[in-house]
Amino acid sequence: MSDSQIEIPESFIRLYLDPGRIKPRESRAFIAQRYDLCEDMAQMLMDPARDTLWQLSITEWDVLQRMQQGLIGGEVNLSLAESQWVAQRLAELLGWNADGLFD
């Protein structure tokens, strides 16, 4: 699949917009590559998130915050904004309410 076929959500593109700008600071190819990584990460974390919720008997918000914190830096090397997007996407995939989670 070429980068031109990837539909990147506006919510992800906004991660690369500087305040007051309409053009992202990174190339479309870079943003597409990062989006693919972040979307894959959200998909991969679905089962671990469910397991964590069940095993630790904590709230969905707590699970999402733990997952988000684990994504910053490290091997995956996501930025803070990318890690928050992944947590929001994970909540969406699981049908969990994440309103105001990172406000």
Protein backbone atom coordinates (compact mmCIF):
# COMPACT_ATOMS: atom_id res chain seq x y z
CA MET A 1 0.00 0.00 0.00
CA SER A 2 1.48 3.35 -0.95
CA ASP A 3 1.41 6.30 1.44
CA SER A 4 -1.04 8.11 -0.83
CA GLN A 5 -3.69 5.45 -0.09
CA ILE A 6 -3.51 5.81 3.69
CA GLU A 7 -6.40 7.85 5.09
CA ILE A 8 -4.88 9.81 7.97
CA PRO A 9 -7.43 11.20 10.42
CA GLU A 10 -7.44 14.94 11.02
CA SER A 11 -6.91 14.28 14.73
CA PHE A 12 -3.54 12.73 13.93
CA ILE A 13 -2.46 15.39 11.43
CA ARG A 14 -3.14 18.05 14.10
CA LEU A 15 -0.31 16.52 16.15
CA TYR A 16 2.07 18.00 13.58
CA LEU A 17 0.55 21.47 13.30
CA ASP A 18 2.22 24.36 15.05
CA PRO A 19 -0.18 26.89 16.64
CA GLY A 20 -1.57 29.30 14.06
CA ARG A 21 -0.36 27.20 11.12
CA ILE A 22 -2.36 25.22 8.59
CA LYS A 23 0.50 23.22 7.06
CA PRO A 24 2.07 20.41 9.09
CA ARG A 25 5.74 20.79 10.04
CA GLU A 26 6.48 17.26 8.75
CA SER A 27 6.08 15.68 5.31
CA ARG A 28 3.04 13.62 4.39
CA ALA A 29 5.26 10.54 4.11
CA PHE A 30 6.61 11.05 7.65
CA ILE A 31 3.12 11.63 9.08
CA ALA A 32 1.77 8.56 7.25
CA GLN A 33 4.59 6.41 8.66
CA ARG A 34 3.98 7.69 12.21
CA TYR A 35 0.21 7.23 11.83
CA ASP A 36 0.70 3.63 10.70
CA LEU A 37 2.90 2.97 13.75
CA CYS A 38 0.44 4.62 16.16
CA GLU A 39 -2.63 2.91 14.70
CA ASP A 40 -0.86 -0.47 14.87
CA MET A 41 0.13 0.25 18.47
CA ALA A 42 -3.48 1.06 19.45
CA GLN A 43 -4.68 -2.17 17.80
CA MET A 44 -1.97 -4.23 19.55
CA LEU A 45 -2.80 -2.77 22.97
CA MET A 46 -6.47 -3.78 22.95
CA ASP A 47 -6.01 -7.19 24.61
CA PRO A 48 -3.36 -5.99 27.11
CA ALA A 49 -5.64 -3.09 28.08
CA ARG A 50 -8.60 -5.41 28.67
CA ASP A 51 -6.37 -7.77 30.67
CA THR A 52 -5.00 -4.91 32.79
CA LEU A 53 -8.52 -3.66 33.52
CA TRP A 54 -9.57 -7.11 34.68
CA GLN A 55 -6.39 -8.12 36.54
CA LEU A 56 -5.84 -4.88 38.46
CA SER A 57 -9.49 -3.91 38.96
CA ILE A 58 -8.71 -0.30 38.09
CA THR A 59 -10.71 2.19 36.03
CA GLU A 60 -10.58 2.42 32.26
CA TRP A 61 -8.98 5.86 32.66
CA ASP A 62 -6.23 4.37 34.83
CA VAL A 63 -5.57 1.70 32.22
CA LEU A 64 -5.39 4.28 29.43
CA GLN A 65 -3.04 6.51 31.42
CA ARG A 66 -0.75 3.58 32.22
CA MET A 67 -0.68 2.51 28.58
CA GLN A 68 0.02 6.08 27.46
CA GLN A 69 2.88 6.52 29.93
CA GLY A 70 4.44 3.26 28.76
CA LEU A 71 4.55 4.50 25.16
CA ILE A 72 6.62 7.65 25.73
CA GLY A 73 10.22 7.19 24.68
CA GLY A 74 11.58 3.68 25.08
CA GLU A 75 11.77 1.28 22.16
CA VAL A 76 8.65 2.63 20.47
CA ASN A 77 9.83 6.23 20.96
CA LEU A 78 6.47 7.96 20.65
CA SER A 79 6.17 11.63 21.48
CA LEU A 80 3.86 12.76 24.26
CA ALA A 81 1.27 13.87 21.69
CA GLU A 82 1.50 10.58 19.78
CA SER A 83 1.18 8.54 22.98
CA GLN A 84 -1.92 10.50 23.95
CA TRP A 85 -3.40 9.95 20.49
CA VAL A 86 -2.76 6.19 20.82
CA ALA A 87 -4.50 6.14 24.21
CA GLN A 88 -7.47 8.05 22.78
CA ARG A 89 -7.61 5.69 19.80
CA LEU A 90 -7.35 2.69 22.11
CA ALA A 91 -10.31 4.00 24.09
CA GLU A 92 -12.26 4.42 20.86
CA LEU A 93 -11.46 0.87 19.74
CA LEU A 94 -12.51 -0.55 23.12
CA GLY A 95 -15.62 1.59 23.42
CA TRP A 96 -14.28 3.23 26.59
CA ASN A 97 -15.04 6.84 27.49
CA ALA A 98 -11.86 8.92 27.43
CA ASP A 99 -13.47 12.37 27.41
CA GLY A 100 -11.12 14.86 29.03
CA LEU A 101 -8.43 12.26 29.65
CA PHE A 102 -5.57 14.49 28.51
CA ASP A 103 -7.13 17.96 28.76
